Amino acid sequence: MPGINRFTLDATLAARDELRHTPAGIAAVECTLDHRSVQREAEGMRRVECEMHAVAFGDVARALDRCAIGCALRVEGFVARRYRTGTSITLHLTHFEQMVTTKGN
């Protein structure tokens, strides 16, 4: 069975729920990430625009809770089912960093 499940994405923090705690007391926060880029595909360039649901736990959740809506992030994590019985996915953030942006970029 294949085992690699790693995901890296540059995105803007589009929305974020309030920080909450699981029944076990672990900090958790859900958010929406907005991604826009141009990717090379089949001898051409493809414009990519999408939103992705994400969730973070523990220290990552507490740090994400301090980020301003609209800030640029480079996020890392793994994908899993969003709901136990569904087929849609969510990105489980294991690390992120704020990206410095300058006017005109």
PDB file of N, CA and C in Angstrom:
ATOM      1  N   MET A   1       0.852  -1.176   0.000  1.00  0.00           N
ATOM      2  CA  MET A   1       0.000   0.000   0.000  1.00  0.00           C
ATOM      3  C   MET A   1       0.894   1.234   0.000  1.00  0.00           C
ATOM      4  N   PRO A   2       0.644   2.214  -0.902  1.00  0.00           N
ATOM      5  CA  PRO A   2       1.432   3.448  -0.912  1.00  0.00           C
ATOM      6  C   PRO A   2       1.286   4.189   0.414  1.00  0.00           C
ATOM      7  N   GLY A   3       2.361   4.874   0.822  1.00  0.00           N
ATOM      8  CA  GLY A   3       2.320   5.510   2.123  1.00  0.00           C
ATOM      9  C   GLY A   3       2.563   7.007   2.148  1.00  0.00           C
ATOM     10  N   ILE A   4       3.018   7.612   1.040  1.00  0.00           N
ATOM     11  CA  ILE A   4       3.334   9.045   1.069  1.00  0.00           C
ATOM     12  C   ILE A   4       2.056   9.855   0.926  1.00  0.00           C
ATOM     13  N   ASN A   5       1.880  10.817   1.806  1.00  0.00           N
ATOM     14  CA  ASN A   5       0.734  11.727   1.795  1.00  0.00           C
ATOM     15  C   ASN A   5       1.234  13.056   2.336  1.00  0.00           C
ATOM     16  N   ARG A   6       1.914  13.835   1.496  1.00  0.00           N
ATOM     17  CA  ARG A   6       2.456  15.136   1.875  1.00  0.00           C
ATOM     18  C   ARG A   6       1.937  16.161   0.899  1.00  0.00           C
ATOM     19  N   PHE A   7       1.623  17.340   1.393  1.00  0.00           N
ATOM     20  CA  PHE A   7       1.012  18.370   0.575  1.00  0.00           C
ATOM     21  C   PHE A   7       1.622  19.704   0.979  1.00  0.00           C
ATOM     22  N   THR A   8       2.078  20.483   0.001  1.00  0.00           N
ATOM     23  CA  THR A   8       2.599  21.831   0.241  1.00  0.00           C
ATOM     24  C   THR A   8       1.848  22.777  -0.676  1.00  0.00           C
ATOM     25  N   LEU A   9       1.434  23.926  -0.140  1.00  0.00           N
ATOM     26  CA  LEU A   9       0.630  24.862  -0.914  1.00  0.00           C
ATOM     27  C   LEU A   9       0.911  26.284  -0.452  1.00  0.00           C
ATOM     28  N   ASP A  10       1.078  27.187  -1.409  1.00  0.00           N
ATOM     29  CA  ASP A  10       1.109  28.615  -1.103  1.00  0.00           C
ATOM     30  C   ASP A  10      -0.318  29.121  -1.244  1.00  0.00           C
ATOM     31  N   ALA A  11      -0.808  29.798  -0.221  1.00  0.00           N
ATOM     32  CA  ALA A  11      -2.215  30.207  -0.226  1.00  0.00           C
ATOM     33  C   ALA A  11      -2.420  31.439   0.638  1.00  0.00           C
ATOM     34  N   THR A  12      -3.591  32.008   0.509  1.00  0.00           N
ATOM     35  CA  THR A  12      -4.028  33.115   1.353  1.00  0.00           C
ATOM     36  C   THR A  12      -5.041  32.566   2.351  1.00  0.00           C
ATOM     37  N   LEU A  13      -4.940  33.003   3.590  1.00  0.00           N
ATOM     38  CA  LEU A  13      -5.914  32.613   4.604  1.00  0.00           C
ATOM     39  C   LEU A  13      -7.204  33.380   4.328  1.00  0.00           C
ATOM     40  N   ALA A  14      -8.181  32.690   3.733  1.00  0.00           N
ATOM     41  CA  ALA A  14      -9.416  33.335   3.291  1.00  0.00           C
ATOM     42  C   ALA A  14     -10.447  33.458   4.408  1.00  0.00           C
ATOM     43  N   ALA A  15     -10.514  32.472   5.285  1.00  0.00           N
ATOM     44  CA  ALA A  15     -11.482  32.476   6.390  1.00  0.00           C
ATOM     45  C   ALA A  15     -10.953  31.554   7.479  1.00  0.00           C
ATOM     46  N   ARG A  16     -11.361  31.844   8.710  1.00  0.00           N
ATOM     47  CA  ARG A  16     -10.916  31.009   9.832  1.00  0.00           C
ATOM     48  C   ARG A  16     -12.005  31.000  10.889  1.00  0.00           C
ATOM     49  N   ASP A  17     -12.314  29.816  11.391  1.00  0.00           N
ATOM     50  CA  ASP A  17     -13.269  29.697  12.488  1.00  0.00           C
ATOM     51  C   ASP A  17     -12.590  30.084  13.796  1.00  0.00           C
ATOM     52  N   GLU A  18     -13.384  30.200  14.838  1.00  0.00           N
ATOM     53  CA  GLU A  18     -12.837  30.483  16.173  1.00  0.00           C
ATOM     54  C   GLU A  18     -12.047  29.278  16.673  1.00  0.00           C
ATOM     55  N   LEU A  19     -11.003  29.552  17.406  1.00  0.00           N
ATOM     56  CA  LEU A  19     -10.229  28.484  18.040  1.00  0.00           C
ATOM     57  C   LEU A  19     -11.146  27.741  19.006  1.00  0.00           C
ATOM     58  N   ARG A  20     -11.106  26.420  18.955  1.00  0.00           N
ATOM     59  CA  ARG A  20     -11.915  25.595  19.852  1.00  0.00           C
ATOM     60  C   ARG A  20     -11.007  24.529  20.446  1.00  0.00           C
ATOM     61  N   HIS A  21     -11.564  23.705  21.297  1.00  0.00           N
ATOM     62  CA  HIS A  21     -10.805  22.598  21.884  1.00  0.00           C
ATOM     63  C   HIS A  21     -11.602  21.314  21.726  1.00  0.00           C
ATOM     64  N   THR A  22     -10.907  20.249  21.402  1.00  0.00           N
ATOM     65  CA  THR A  22     -11.535  18.942  21.272  1.00  0.00           C
ATOM     66  C   THR A  22     -11.934  18.454  22.664  1.00  0.00           C
ATOM     67  N   PRO A  23     -12.748  17.416  22.761  1.00  0.00           N
ATOM     68  CA  PRO A  23     -13.080  16.863  24.083  1.00  0.00           C
ATOM     69  C   PRO A  23     -11.838  16.452  24.889  1.00  0.00           C
ATOM     70  N   ALA A  24     -10.745  16.149  24.187  1.00  0.00           N
ATOM     71  CA  ALA A  24      -9.495  15.785  24.874  1.00  0.00           C
ATOM     72  C   ALA A  24      -8.675  17.015  25.278  1.00  0.00           C
ATOM     73  N   GLY A  25      -9.201  18.223  24.959  1.00  0.00           N
ATOM     74  CA  GLY A  25      -8.516  19.452  25.353  1.00  0.00           C
ATOM     75  C   GLY A  25      -7.489  19.959  24.362  1.00  0.00           C
ATOM     76  N   ILE A  26      -7.446  19.407  23.159  1.00  0.00           N
ATOM     77  CA  ILE A  26      -6.484  19.824  22.142  1.00  0.00           C
ATOM     78  C   ILE A  26      -7.047  20.997  21.354  1.00  0.00           C
ATOM     79  N   ALA A  27      -6.247  22.061  21.201  1.00  0.00           N
ATOM     80  CA  ALA A  27      -6.666  23.224  20.429  1.00  0.00           C
ATOM     81  C   ALA A  27      -6.889  22.810  18.975  1.00  0.00           C
ATOM     82  N   ALA A  28      -7.933  23.366  18.355  1.00  0.00           N
ATOM     83  CA  ALA A  28      -8.258  23.050  16.962  1.00  0.00           C
ATOM     84  C   ALA A  28      -8.839  24.284  16.290  1.00  0.00           C
ATOM     85  N   VAL A  29      -8.512  24.450  15.012  1.00  0.00           N
ATOM     86  CA  VAL A  29      -9.091  25.542  14.239  1.00  0.00           C
ATOM     87  C   VAL A  29      -9.256  25.080  12.787  1.00  0.00           C
ATOM     88  N   GLU A  30     -10.401  25.430  12.195  1.00  0.00           N
ATOM     89  CA  GLU A  30     -10.669  25.124  10.794  1.00  0.00           C
ATOM     90  C   GLU A  30     -10.572  26.412   9.998  1.00  0.00           C
ATOM     91  N   CYS A  31     -10.153  26.290   8.734  1.00  0.00           N
ATOM     92  CA  CYS A  31     -10.005  27.483   7.911  1.00  0.00           C
ATOM     93  C   CYS A  31     -10.214  27.144   6.440  1.00  0.00           C
ATOM     94  N   THR A  32     -10.297  28.186   5.633  1.00  0.00           N
ATOM     95  CA  THR A  32     -10.366  28.060   4.182  1.00  0.00           C
ATOM     96  C   THR A  32      -9.135  28.744   3.607  1.00  0.00           C
ATOM     97  N   LEU A  33      -8.440  28.037   2.726  1.00  0.00           N
ATOM     98  CA  LEU A  33      -7.259  28.568   2.056  1.00  0.00           C
ATOM     99  C   LEU A  33      -7.607  28.863   0.603  1.00  0.00           C
ATOM    100  N   ASP A  34      -7.156  30.006   0.102  1.00  0.00           N
ATOM    101  CA  ASP A  34      -7.385  30.408  -1.287  1.00  0.00           C
ATOM    102  C   ASP A  34      -6.052  30.338  -2.029  1.00  0.00           C
ATOM    103  N   HIS A  35      -6.004  29.559  -3.105  1.00  0.00           N
ATOM    104  CA  HIS A  35      -4.771  29.379  -3.874  1.00  0.00           C
ATOM    105  C   HIS A  35      -4.956  29.890  -5.296  1.00  0.00           C
ATOM    106  N   ARG A  36      -3.962  30.619  -5.785  1.00  0.00           N
ATOM    107  CA  ARG A  36      -3.945  31.095  -7.176  1.00  0.00           C
ATOM    108  C   ARG A  36      -2.516  31.001  -7.682  1.00  0.00           C
ATOM    109  N   SER A  37      -2.354  30.347  -8.834  1.00  0.00           N
ATOM    110  CA  SER A  37      -1.018  30.215  -9.409  1.00  0.00           C
ATOM    111  C   SER A  37      -1.131  29.890 -10.892  1.00  0.00           C
ATOM    112  N   VAL A  38       0.024  29.805 -11.545  1.00  0.00           N
ATOM    113  CA  VAL A  38       0.117  29.341 -12.925  1.00  0.00           C
ATOM    114  C   VAL A  38       1.053  28.143 -12.904  1.00  0.00           C
ATOM    115  N   GLN A  39       0.589  27.010 -13.457  1.00  0.00           N
ATOM    116  CA  GLN A  39       1.343  25.763 -13.437  1.00  0.00           C
ATOM    117  C   GLN A  39       1.582  25.263 -14.864  1.00  0.00           C
ATOM    118  N   ARG A  40       2.751  24.680 -15.083  1.00  0.00           N
ATOM    119  CA  ARG A  40       3.060  24.085 -16.383  1.00  0.00           C
ATOM    120  C   ARG A  40       2.367  22.722 -16.475  1.00  0.00           C
ATOM    121  N   GLU A  41       1.688  22.504 -17.617  1.00  0.00           N
ATOM    122  CA  GLU A  41       1.010  21.230 -17.841  1.00  0.00           C
ATOM    123  C   GLU A  41       0.949  20.953 -19.334  1.00  0.00           C
ATOM    124  N   ALA A  42       1.471  19.811 -19.761  1.00  0.00           N
ATOM    125  CA  ALA A  42       1.380  19.349 -21.159  1.00  0.00           C
ATOM    126  C   ALA A  42       1.779  20.445 -22.153  1.00  0.00           C
ATOM    127  N   GLU A  43       2.993  20.886 -22.072  1.00  0.00           N
ATOM    128  CA  GLU A  43       3.561  21.914 -22.970  1.00  0.00           C
ATOM    129  C   GLU A  43       2.853  23.260 -22.910  1.00  0.00           C
ATOM    130  N   GLY A  44       2.093  23.506 -21.896  1.00  0.00           N
ATOM    131  CA  GLY A  44       1.405  24.785 -21.782  1.00  0.00           C
ATOM    132  C   GLY A  44       1.348  25.242 -20.342  1.00  0.00           C
ATOM    133  N   MET A  45       0.776  26.406 -20.161  1.00  0.00           N
ATOM    134  CA  MET A  45       0.619  26.968 -18.823  1.00  0.00           C
ATOM    135  C   MET A  45      -0.863  26.947 -18.459  1.00  0.00           C
ATOM    136  N   ARG A  46      -1.137  26.568 -17.228  1.00  0.00           N
ATOM    137  CA  ARG A  46      -2.518  26.465 -16.761  1.00  0.00           C
ATOM    138  C   ARG A  46      -2.698  27.364 -15.549  1.00  0.00           C
ATOM    139  N   ARG A  47      -3.706  28.202 -15.601  1.00  0.00           N
ATOM    140  CA  ARG A  47      -4.061  29.059 -14.467  1.00  0.00           C
ATOM    141  C   ARG A  47      -4.866  28.224 -13.481  1.00  0.00           C
ATOM    142  N   VAL A  48      -4.438  28.252 -12.211  1.00  0.00           N
ATOM    143  CA  VAL A  48      -5.093  27.458 -11.174  1.00  0.00           C
ATOM    144  C   VAL A  48      -5.649  28.401 -10.109  1.00  0.00           C
ATOM    145  N   GLU A  49      -6.921  28.248  -9.809  1.00  0.00           N
ATOM    146  CA  GLU A  49      -7.574  28.992  -8.733  1.00  0.00           C
ATOM    147  C   GLU A  49      -8.477  28.019  -7.997  1.00  0.00           C
ATOM    148  N   CYS A  50      -8.278  27.904  -6.674  1.00  0.00           N
ATOM    149  CA  CYS A  50      -9.124  26.993  -5.918  1.00  0.00           C
ATOM    150  C   CYS A  50      -9.130  27.383  -4.442  1.00  0.00           C
ATOM    151  N   GLU A  51     -10.130  26.882  -3.753  1.00  0.00           N
ATOM    152  CA  GLU A  51     -10.209  27.009  -2.297  1.00  0.00           C
ATOM    153  C   GLU A  51     -10.090  25.623  -1.707  1.00  0.00           C
ATOM    154  N   MET A  52      -9.476  25.551  -0.535  1.00  0.00           N
ATOM    155  CA  MET A  52      -9.323  24.262   0.129  1.00  0.00           C
ATOM    156  C   MET A  52      -9.641  24.417   1.605  1.00  0.00           C
ATOM    157  N   HIS A  53     -10.406  23.471   2.119  1.00  0.00           N
ATOM    158  CA  HIS A  53     -10.684  23.424   3.546  1.00  0.00           C
ATOM    159  C   HIS A  53      -9.458  22.858   4.246  1.00  0.00           C
ATOM    160  N   ALA A  54      -9.138  23.401   5.420  1.00  0.00           N
ATOM    161  CA  ALA A  54      -8.001  22.902   6.190  1.00  0.00           C
ATOM    162  C   ALA A  54      -8.345  22.919   7.669  1.00  0.00           C
ATOM    163  N   VAL A  55      -7.602  22.112   8.438  1.00  0.00           N
ATOM    164  CA  VAL A  55      -7.778  22.049   9.880  1.00  0.00           C
ATOM    165  C   VAL A  55      -6.394  21.925  10.509  1.00  0.00           C
ATOM    166  N   ALA A  56      -6.233  22.525  11.676  1.00  0.00           N
ATOM    167  CA  ALA A  56      -4.966  22.441  12.407  1.00  0.00           C
ATOM    168  C   ALA A  56      -5.263  22.130  13.866  1.00  0.00           C
ATOM    169  N   PHE A  57      -4.328  21.444  14.505  1.00  0.00           N
ATOM    170  CA  PHE A  57      -4.481  21.065  15.904  1.00  0.00           C
ATOM    171  C   PHE A  57      -3.244  21.476  16.699  1.00  0.00           C
ATOM    172  N   GLY A  58      -3.409  21.613  18.012  1.00  0.00           N
ATOM    173  CA  GLY A  58      -2.292  21.868  18.911  1.00  0.00           C
ATOM    174  C   GLY A  58      -1.623  23.215  18.683  1.00  0.00           C
ATOM    175  N   ASP A  59      -0.280  23.222  18.746  1.00  0.00           N
ATOM    176  CA  ASP A  59       0.479  24.456  18.572  1.00  0.00           C
ATOM    177  C   ASP A  59       0.246  25.093  17.209  1.00  0.00           C
ATOM    178  N   VAL A  60       0.067  24.283  16.172  1.00  0.00           N
ATOM    179  CA  VAL A  60      -0.183  24.813  14.833  1.00  0.00           C
ATOM    180  C   VAL A  60      -1.513  25.574  14.823  1.00  0.00           C
ATOM    181  N   ALA A  61      -2.524  25.051  15.492  1.00  0.00           N
ATOM    182  CA  ALA A  61      -3.826  25.725  15.572  1.00  0.00           C
ATOM    183  C   ALA A  61      -3.710  27.053  16.317  1.00  0.00           C
ATOM    184  N   ARG A  62      -2.988  27.056  17.419  1.00  0.00           N
ATOM    185  CA  ARG A  62      -2.829  28.301  18.185  1.00  0.00           C
ATOM    186  C   ARG A  62      -2.084  29.352  17.366  1.00  0.00           C
ATOM    187  N   ALA A  63      -1.058  28.951  16.623  1.00  0.00           N
ATOM    188  CA  ALA A  63      -0.311  29.895  15.791  1.00  0.00           C
ATOM    189  C   ALA A  63      -1.175  30.410  14.638  1.00  0.00           C
ATOM    190  N   LEU A  64      -1.945  29.519  14.009  1.00  0.00           N
ATOM    191  CA  LEU A  64      -2.815  29.925  12.908  1.00  0.00           C
ATOM    192  C   LEU A  64      -3.892  30.885  13.398  1.00  0.00           C
ATOM    193  N   ASP A  65      -4.343  30.718  14.617  1.00  0.00           N
ATOM    194  CA  ASP A  65      -5.359  31.593  15.191  1.00  0.00           C
ATOM    195  C   ASP A  65      -4.854  33.030  15.320  1.00  0.00           C
ATOM    196  N   ARG A  66      -3.554  33.218  15.362  1.00  0.00           N
ATOM    197  CA  ARG A  66      -2.968  34.563  15.472  1.00  0.00           C
ATOM    198  C   ARG A  66      -2.728  35.226  14.115  1.00  0.00           C
ATOM    199  N   CYS A  67      -2.919  34.494  13.023  1.00  0.00           N
ATOM    200  CA  CYS A  67      -2.701  35.041  11.677  1.00  0.00           C
ATOM    201  C   CYS A  67      -3.911  35.859  11.227  1.00  0.00           C
ATOM    202  N   ALA A  68      -3.635  36.932  10.549  1.00  0.00           N
ATOM    203  CA  ALA A  68      -4.700  37.794  10.035  1.00  0.00           C
ATOM    204  C   ALA A  68      -5.327  37.174   8.791  1.00  0.00           C
ATOM    205  N   ILE A  69      -6.626  37.345   8.647  1.00  0.00           N
ATOM    206  CA  ILE A  69      -7.303  36.930   7.425  1.00  0.00           C
ATOM    207  C   ILE A  69      -6.671  37.718   6.277  1.00  0.00           C
ATOM    208  N   GLY A  70      -6.375  37.043   5.184  1.00  0.00           N
ATOM    209  CA  GLY A  70      -5.751  37.692   4.039  1.00  0.00           C
ATOM    210  C   GLY A  70      -4.238  37.542   3.988  1.00  0.00           C
ATOM    211  N   CYS A  71      -3.634  36.987   5.031  1.00  0.00           N
ATOM    212  CA  CYS A  71      -2.177  36.851   5.015  1.00  0.00           C
ATOM    213  C   CYS A  71      -1.766  35.687   4.107  1.00  0.00           C
ATOM    214  N   ALA A  72      -0.577  35.815   3.538  1.00  0.00           N
ATOM    215  CA  ALA A  72      -0.033  34.790   2.650  1.00  0.00           C
ATOM    216  C   ALA A  72       0.694  33.740   3.483  1.00  0.00           C
ATOM    217  N   LEU A  73       0.410  32.472   3.182  1.00  0.00           N
ATOM    218  CA  LEU A  73       0.989  31.361   3.939  1.00  0.00           C
ATOM    219  C   LEU A  73       1.580  30.323   2.999  1.00  0.00           C
ATOM    220  N   ARG A  74       2.611  29.651   3.447  1.00  0.00           N
ATOM    221  CA  ARG A  74       3.061  28.404   2.826  1.00  0.00           C
ATOM    222  C   ARG A  74       2.716  27.321   3.831  1.00  0.00           C
ATOM    223  N   VAL A  75       1.811  26.427   3.457  1.00  0.00           N
ATOM    224  CA  VAL A  75       1.319  25.417   4.390  1.00  0.00           C
ATOM    225  C   VAL A  75       1.811  24.032   3.977  1.00  0.00           C
ATOM    226  N   GLU A  76       1.968  23.163   4.972  1.00  0.00           N
ATOM    227  CA  GLU A  76       2.354  21.781   4.744  1.00  0.00           C
ATOM    228  C   GLU A  76       1.451  20.896   5.588  1.00  0.00           C
ATOM    229  N   GLY A  77       1.183  19.713   5.068  1.00  0.00           N
ATOM    230  CA  GLY A  77       0.369  18.781   5.825  1.00  0.00           C
ATOM    231  C   GLY A  77       0.037  17.555   5.008  1.00  0.00           C
ATOM    232  N   PHE A  78      -1.075  16.928   5.367  1.00  0.00           N
ATOM    233  CA  PHE A  78      -1.535  15.731   4.660  1.00  0.00           C
ATOM    234  C   PHE A  78      -3.034  15.850   4.438  1.00  0.00           C
ATOM    235  N   VAL A  79      -3.533  15.142   3.439  1.00  0.00           N
ATOM    236  CA  VAL A  79      -4.964  15.172   3.153  1.00  0.00           C
ATOM    237  C   VAL A  79      -5.629  13.924   3.737  1.00  0.00           C
ATOM    238  N   ALA A  80      -6.861  14.125   4.179  1.00  0.00           N
ATOM    239  CA  ALA A  80      -7.673  13.043   4.725  1.00  0.00           C
ATOM    240  C   ALA A  80      -9.137  13.379   4.453  1.00  0.00           C
ATOM    241  N   ARG A  81     -10.002  12.409   4.666  1.00  0.00           N
ATOM    242  CA  ARG A  81     -11.434  12.669   4.507  1.00  0.00           C
ATOM    243  C   ARG A  81     -11.858  13.791   5.448  1.00  0.00           C
ATOM    244  N   ARG A  82     -12.710  14.674   4.920  1.00  0.00           N
ATOM    245  CA  ARG A  82     -13.218  15.759   5.757  1.00  0.00           C
ATOM    246  C   ARG A  82     -14.210  15.232   6.781  1.00  0.00           C
ATOM    247  N   TYR A  83     -15.053  14.309   6.344  1.00  0.00           N
ATOM    248  CA  TYR A  83     -16.028  13.678   7.228  1.00  0.00           C
ATOM    249  C   TYR A  83     -15.789  12.174   7.196  1.00  0.00           C
ATOM    250  N   ARG A  84     -16.003  11.534   8.289  1.00  0.00           N
ATOM    251  CA  ARG A  84     -15.695  10.105   8.392  1.00  0.00           C
ATOM    252  C   ARG A  84     -16.383   9.255   7.327  1.00  0.00           C
ATOM    253  N   THR A  85     -17.604   9.609   6.947  1.00  0.00           N
ATOM    254  CA  THR A  85     -18.337   8.811   5.973  1.00  0.00           C
ATOM    255  C   THR A  85     -18.365   9.444   4.582  1.00  0.00           C
ATOM    256  N   GLY A  86     -17.688  10.572   4.388  1.00  0.00           N
ATOM    257  CA  GLY A  86     -17.712  11.258   3.099  1.00  0.00           C
ATOM    258  C   GLY A  86     -16.519  10.923   2.235  1.00  0.00           C
ATOM    259  N   THR A  87     -16.461  11.576   1.074  1.00  0.00           N
ATOM    260  CA  THR A  87     -15.333  11.382   0.171  1.00  0.00           C
ATOM    261  C   THR A  87     -14.565  12.673  -0.088  1.00  0.00           C
ATOM    262  N   SER A  88     -15.101  13.832   0.341  1.00  0.00           N
ATOM    263  CA  SER A  88     -14.366  15.080   0.157  1.00  0.00           C
ATOM    264  C   SER A  88     -13.174  15.106   1.115  1.00  0.00           C
ATOM    265  N   ILE A  89     -12.162  15.887   0.752  1.00  0.00           N
ATOM    266  CA  ILE A  89     -10.937  15.903   1.550  1.00  0.00           C
ATOM    267  C   ILE A  89     -10.737  17.236   2.264  1.00  0.00           C
ATOM    268  N   THR A  90      -9.906  17.199   3.277  1.00  0.00           N
ATOM    269  CA  THR A  90      -9.456  18.392   3.973  1.00  0.00           C
ATOM    270  C   THR A  90      -7.953  18.277   4.177  1.00  0.00           C
ATOM    271  N   LEU A  91      -7.288  19.407   4.232  1.00  0.00           N
ATOM    272  CA  LEU A  91      -5.855  19.437   4.464  1.00  0.00           C
ATOM    273  C   LEU A  91      -5.600  19.574   5.958  1.00  0.00           C
ATOM    274  N   HIS A  92      -4.907  18.612   6.550  1.00  0.00           N
ATOM    275  CA  HIS A  92      -4.523  18.668   7.958  1.00  0.00           C
ATOM    276  C   HIS A  92      -3.157  19.347   8.034  1.00  0.00           C
ATOM    277  N   LEU A  93      -3.134  20.564   8.539  1.00  0.00           N
ATOM    278  CA  LEU A  93      -1.891  21.340   8.585  1.00  0.00           C
ATOM    279  C   LEU A  93      -0.979  20.833   9.693  1.00  0.00           C
ATOM    280  N   THR A  94       0.259  20.549   9.327  1.00  0.00           N
ATOM    281  CA  THR A  94       1.251  20.133  10.310  1.00  0.00           C
ATOM    282  C   THR A  94       2.323  21.201  10.494  1.00  0.00           C
ATOM    283  N   HIS A  95       2.381  22.153   9.562  1.00  0.00           N
ATOM    284  CA  HIS A  95       3.360  23.240   9.622  1.00  0.00           C
ATOM    285  C   HIS A  95       2.903  24.343   8.676  1.00  0.00           C
ATOM    286  N   PHE A  96       3.212  25.582   9.019  1.00  0.00           N
ATOM    287  CA  PHE A  96       2.991  26.677   8.079  1.00  0.00           C
ATOM    288  C   PHE A  96       3.950  27.807   8.427  1.00  0.00           C
ATOM    289  N   GLU A  97       4.168  28.658   7.447  1.00  0.00           N
ATOM    290  CA  GLU A  97       4.930  29.876   7.693  1.00  0.00           C
ATOM    291  C   GLU A  97       4.279  31.007   6.933  1.00  0.00           C
ATOM    292  N   GLN A  98       4.339  32.201   7.516  1.00  0.00           N
ATOM    293  CA  GLN A  98       3.821  33.363   6.821  1.00  0.00           C
ATOM    294  C   GLN A  98       4.832  33.777   5.769  1.00  0.00           C
ATOM    295  N   MET A  99       4.333  34.114   4.601  1.00  0.00           N
ATOM    296  CA  MET A  99       5.195  34.548   3.502  1.00  0.00           C
ATOM    297  C   MET A  99       5.191  36.066   3.450  1.00  0.00           C
ATOM    298  N   VAL A 100       6.344  36.616   3.230  1.00  0.00           N
ATOM    299  CA  VAL A 100       6.471  38.064   3.101  1.00  0.00           C
ATOM    300  C   VAL A 100       6.126  38.426   1.674  1.00  0.00           C
ATOM    301  N   THR A 101       5.191  39.334   1.511  1.00  0.00           N
ATOM    302  CA  THR A 101       4.819  39.796   0.167  1.00  0.00           C
ATOM    303  C   THR A 101       5.149  41.263   0.050  1.00  0.00           C
ATOM    304  N   THR A 102       5.448  41.686  -1.160  1.00  0.00           N
ATOM    305  CA  THR A 102       5.731  43.101  -1.422  1.00  0.00           C
ATOM    306  C   THR A 102       4.761  43.608  -2.441  1.00  0.00           C
ATOM    307  N   LYS A 103       4.488  44.886  -2.420  1.00  0.00           N
ATOM    308  CA  LYS A 103       3.570  45.481  -3.391  1.00  0.00           C
ATOM    309  C   LYS A 103       4.094  45.243  -4.794  1.00  0.00           C
ATOM    310  N   GLY A 104       3.195  44.903  -5.710  1.00  0.00           N
ATOM    311  CA  GLY A 104       3.570  44.689  -7.089  1.00  0.00           C
ATOM    312  C   GLY A 104       3.853  43.241  -7.431  1.00  0.00           C
ATOM    313  N   ASN A 105       3.898  42.352  -6.437  1.00  0.00           N
ATOM    314  CA  ASN A 105       4.126  40.921  -6.687  1.00  0.00           C
ATOM    315  C   ASN A 105       2.839  40.161  -6.702  1.00  0.00           C
TER     316      ASN A 105
END
